[in-house]
Amino acid sequence: MPNHVYLIIEIDRLRIEHLSIKIKSLSSLIGAFKTTSSKIIHSIGFIDFAWKRSFHDHIIRHQKSYEDISNYIDANPDKWH
């Protein structure tokens, strides 16, 4: 839907175990995304833009679930009338 943002975020410590990077919580990542994007959106003139206060999350545990959710995200804009 045009008034929603869907993200699939993969957090995998094994991919960065050789680096000294601290993995932040999902709440911290979403907060940073909202803060940064809000600043950019406001700077281009959409002063009244505001994010909803919270967010909904779901842990994808299986490949089939990933495919279903990914397909839902891809098809969702076509359902907006």
N, C-alpha and C. Protein backbone atom coordinates (compact mmCIF):
# COMPACT_ATOMS: atom_id res chain seq x y z
N MET A 1 0.84 -1.18 0.00
CA MET A 1 0.00 0.00 0.00
C MET A 1 0.89 1.24 0.00
N PRO A 2 0.45 2.30 -0.61
CA PRO A 2 1.30 3.49 -0.69
C PRO A 2 1.53 4.15 0.67
N ASN A 3 0.72 3.85 1.66
CA ASN A 3 0.94 4.47 2.96
C ASN A 3 1.57 3.49 3.97
N HIS A 4 2.23 2.48 3.46
CA HIS A 4 2.91 1.49 4.31
C HIS A 4 4.34 1.27 3.79
N VAL A 5 5.21 0.87 4.69
CA VAL A 5 6.56 0.47 4.30
C VAL A 5 6.75 -0.96 4.78
N TYR A 6 7.13 -1.83 3.87
CA TYR A 6 7.42 -3.22 4.22
C TYR A 6 8.92 -3.45 4.04
N LEU A 7 9.54 -4.08 5.02
CA LEU A 7 10.96 -4.38 4.94
C LEU A 7 11.19 -5.83 5.37
N ILE A 8 12.11 -6.46 4.71
CA ILE A 8 12.63 -7.75 5.19
C ILE A 8 14.08 -7.48 5.55
N ILE A 9 14.38 -7.62 6.82
CA ILE A 9 15.72 -7.35 7.33
C ILE A 9 16.32 -8.65 7.82
N GLU A 10 17.51 -8.96 7.34
CA GLU A 10 18.21 -10.16 7.80
C GLU A 10 19.29 -9.73 8.79
N ILE A 11 19.22 -10.30 9.98
CA ILE A 11 20.24 -10.05 10.99
C ILE A 11 20.94 -11.38 11.23
N ASP A 12 22.19 -11.45 10.81
CA ASP A 12 22.94 -12.71 10.89
C ASP A 12 24.34 -12.43 11.42
N ARG A 13 24.55 -12.72 12.68
CA ARG A 13 25.85 -12.47 13.31
C ARG A 13 26.98 -13.25 12.63
N LEU A 14 26.67 -14.41 12.08
CA LEU A 14 27.70 -15.24 11.47
C LEU A 14 28.34 -14.57 10.26
N ARG A 15 27.60 -13.69 9.59
CA ARG A 15 28.14 -13.01 8.41
C ARG A 15 29.17 -11.95 8.75
N ILE A 16 29.18 -11.50 10.00
CA ILE A 16 30.10 -10.43 10.37
C ILE A 16 30.97 -10.80 11.57
N GLU A 17 31.04 -12.07 11.89
CA GLU A 17 31.78 -12.47 13.09
C GLU A 17 33.26 -12.09 13.02
N HIS A 18 33.81 -11.94 11.84
CA HIS A 18 35.21 -11.56 11.69
C HIS A 18 35.43 -10.05 11.80
N LEU A 19 34.34 -9.28 11.87
CA LEU A 19 34.43 -7.83 11.99
C LEU A 19 34.06 -7.41 13.41
N SER A 20 34.51 -6.25 13.82
CA SER A 20 34.14 -5.76 15.15
C SER A 20 32.96 -4.80 15.02
N ILE A 21 31.83 -5.36 14.60
CA ILE A 21 30.60 -4.59 14.42
C ILE A 21 29.59 -5.07 15.45
N LYS A 22 28.99 -4.12 16.14
CA LYS A 22 27.96 -4.46 17.11
C LYS A 22 26.61 -4.47 16.39
N ILE A 23 25.87 -5.56 16.54
CA ILE A 23 24.54 -5.63 15.93
C ILE A 23 23.57 -4.95 16.87
N LYS A 24 22.84 -3.99 16.32
CA LYS A 24 21.86 -3.25 17.11
C LYS A 24 20.54 -4.02 17.15
N SER A 25 19.71 -3.63 18.08
CA SER A 25 18.39 -4.24 18.17
C SER A 25 17.53 -3.80 16.98
N LEU A 26 16.50 -4.55 16.71
CA LEU A 26 15.58 -4.19 15.63
C LEU A 26 14.95 -2.82 15.91
N SER A 27 14.58 -2.58 17.15
CA SER A 27 14.00 -1.28 17.52
C SER A 27 14.96 -0.13 17.21
N SER A 28 16.24 -0.33 17.49
CA SER A 28 17.24 0.70 17.19
C SER A 28 17.38 0.92 15.69
N LEU A 29 17.38 -0.16 14.92
CA LEU A 29 17.48 -0.03 13.46
C LEU A 29 16.28 0.71 12.88
N ILE A 30 15.08 0.33 13.31
CA ILE A 30 13.87 0.99 12.82
C ILE A 30 13.85 2.46 13.25
N GLY A 31 14.25 2.72 14.48
CA GLY A 31 14.32 4.10 14.96
C GLY A 31 15.26 4.95 14.12
N ALA A 32 16.43 4.41 13.82
CA ALA A 32 17.39 5.13 12.98
C ALA A 32 16.85 5.37 11.58
N PHE A 33 16.19 4.35 11.02
CA PHE A 33 15.58 4.49 9.69
C PHE A 33 14.53 5.60 9.69
N LYS A 34 13.65 5.59 10.69
CA LYS A 34 12.58 6.59 10.75
C LYS A 34 13.16 8.00 10.95
N THR A 35 14.15 8.12 11.81
CA THR A 35 14.74 9.44 12.07
C THR A 35 15.42 9.98 10.81
N THR A 36 16.24 9.16 10.19
CA THR A 36 16.98 9.61 8.99
C THR A 36 16.03 9.93 7.84
N SER A 37 15.08 9.03 7.59
CA SER A 37 14.16 9.28 6.47
C SER A 37 13.26 10.48 6.75
N SER A 38 12.85 10.69 8.00
CA SER A 38 12.02 11.86 8.33
C SER A 38 12.76 13.15 8.03
N LYS A 39 14.03 13.21 8.40
CA LYS A 39 14.83 14.41 8.13
C LYS A 39 14.90 14.70 6.63
N ILE A 40 15.11 13.65 5.84
CA ILE A 40 15.19 13.83 4.38
C ILE A 40 13.84 14.24 3.82
N ILE A 41 12.77 13.59 4.26
CA ILE A 41 11.43 13.90 3.76
C ILE A 41 11.04 15.33 4.12
N HIS A 42 11.33 15.76 5.35
CA HIS A 42 11.03 17.14 5.76
C HIS A 42 11.86 18.14 4.96
N SER A 43 13.12 17.79 4.69
CA SER A 43 14.00 18.74 3.99
C SER A 43 13.59 18.97 2.54
N ILE A 44 12.83 18.03 1.96
CA ILE A 44 12.37 18.24 0.57
C ILE A 44 10.97 18.84 0.51
N GLY A 45 10.45 19.24 1.68
CA GLY A 45 9.21 20.02 1.67
C GLY A 45 7.98 19.36 2.25
N PHE A 46 8.05 18.12 2.63
CA PHE A 46 6.88 17.45 3.20
C PHE A 46 6.90 17.62 4.73
N ILE A 47 6.63 18.84 5.15
CA ILE A 47 6.77 19.22 6.56
C ILE A 47 5.81 18.45 7.46
N ASP A 48 4.64 18.11 6.98
CA ASP A 48 3.62 17.44 7.80
C ASP A 48 3.83 15.93 7.89
N PHE A 49 4.86 15.39 7.23
CA PHE A 49 5.08 13.94 7.28
C PHE A 49 5.41 13.49 8.69
N ALA A 50 4.81 12.36 9.08
CA ALA A 50 5.12 11.77 10.40
C ALA A 50 4.93 10.26 10.31
N TRP A 51 5.81 9.54 10.97
CA TRP A 51 5.69 8.09 11.05
C TRP A 51 4.71 7.71 12.15
N LYS A 52 4.08 6.57 11.98
CA LYS A 52 3.30 5.98 13.06
C LYS A 52 4.27 5.70 14.20
N ARG A 53 3.81 5.76 15.43
CA ARG A 53 4.71 5.66 16.58
C ARG A 53 5.44 4.33 16.67
N SER A 54 4.79 3.22 16.45
CA SER A 54 5.44 1.92 16.64
C SER A 54 5.60 1.21 15.30
N PHE A 55 5.88 -0.09 15.35
CA PHE A 55 5.97 -0.88 14.14
C PHE A 55 5.57 -2.32 14.47
N HIS A 56 5.23 -3.06 13.44
CA HIS A 56 4.87 -4.46 13.60
C HIS A 56 6.02 -5.30 13.06
N ASP A 57 6.40 -6.31 13.81
CA ASP A 57 7.46 -7.18 13.30
C ASP A 57 7.03 -8.64 13.35
N HIS A 58 7.70 -9.42 12.57
CA HIS A 58 7.42 -10.85 12.47
C HIS A 58 8.73 -11.55 12.13
N ILE A 59 9.06 -12.59 12.85
CA ILE A 59 10.28 -13.34 12.57
C ILE A 59 9.98 -14.40 11.52
N ILE A 60 10.73 -14.37 10.44
CA ILE A 60 10.58 -15.36 9.36
C ILE A 60 11.54 -16.51 9.67
N ARG A 61 10.99 -17.68 9.87
CA ARG A 61 11.81 -18.82 10.29
C ARG A 61 12.05 -19.86 9.19
N HIS A 62 11.27 -19.80 8.12
CA HIS A 62 11.37 -20.84 7.09
C HIS A 62 11.36 -20.21 5.70
N GLN A 63 11.99 -20.88 4.76
CA GLN A 63 12.06 -20.39 3.39
C GLN A 63 10.68 -20.16 2.78
N LYS A 64 9.75 -21.06 3.03
CA LYS A 64 8.38 -20.93 2.50
C LYS A 64 7.72 -19.66 3.03
N SER A 65 7.90 -19.39 4.31
CA SER A 65 7.35 -18.16 4.90
C SER A 65 7.98 -16.93 4.24
N TYR A 66 9.30 -16.98 4.04
CA TYR A 66 9.99 -15.88 3.37
C TYR A 66 9.39 -15.63 1.98
N GLU A 67 9.21 -16.70 1.22
CA GLU A 67 8.66 -16.57 -0.14
C GLU A 67 7.24 -16.01 -0.11
N ASP A 68 6.41 -16.48 0.81
CA ASP A 68 5.04 -15.98 0.92
C ASP A 68 5.02 -14.49 1.26
N ILE A 69 5.82 -14.10 2.23
CA ILE A 69 5.86 -12.70 2.65
C ILE A 69 6.44 -11.82 1.55
N SER A 70 7.49 -12.27 0.92
CA SER A 70 8.09 -11.52 -0.17
C SER A 70 7.10 -11.33 -1.32
N ASN A 71 6.38 -12.37 -1.67
CA ASN A 71 5.36 -12.27 -2.72
C ASN A 71 4.25 -11.31 -2.33
N TYR A 72 3.84 -11.35 -1.06
CA TYR A 72 2.81 -10.43 -0.57
C TYR A 72 3.28 -8.98 -0.73
N ILE A 73 4.52 -8.71 -0.35
CA ILE A 73 5.06 -7.36 -0.47
C ILE A 73 5.10 -6.92 -1.93
N ASP A 74 5.54 -7.80 -2.81
CA ASP A 74 5.62 -7.46 -4.24
C ASP A 74 4.26 -7.19 -4.85
N ALA A 75 3.25 -7.97 -4.45
CA ALA A 75 1.91 -7.84 -5.05
C ALA A 75 1.06 -6.77 -4.39
N ASN A 76 1.43 -6.33 -3.21
CA ASN A 76 0.59 -5.43 -2.43
C ASN A 76 0.21 -4.12 -3.14
N PRO A 77 1.13 -3.43 -3.82
CA PRO A 77 0.74 -2.18 -4.47
C PRO A 77 -0.37 -2.36 -5.52
N ASP A 78 -0.43 -3.52 -6.15
CA ASP A 78 -1.48 -3.76 -7.15
C ASP A 78 -2.86 -3.87 -6.51
N LYS A 79 -2.94 -4.10 -5.22
CA LYS A 79 -4.20 -4.25 -4.52
C LYS A 79 -4.76 -2.91 -4.05
N TRP A 80 -3.98 -1.85 -4.17
CA TRP A 80 -4.41 -0.54 -3.71
C TRP A 80 -5.27 0.11 -4.79
N HIS A 81 -6.50 0.41 -4.48
CA HIS A 81 -7.41 1.02 -5.46
C HIS A 81 -7.87 2.36 -4.97
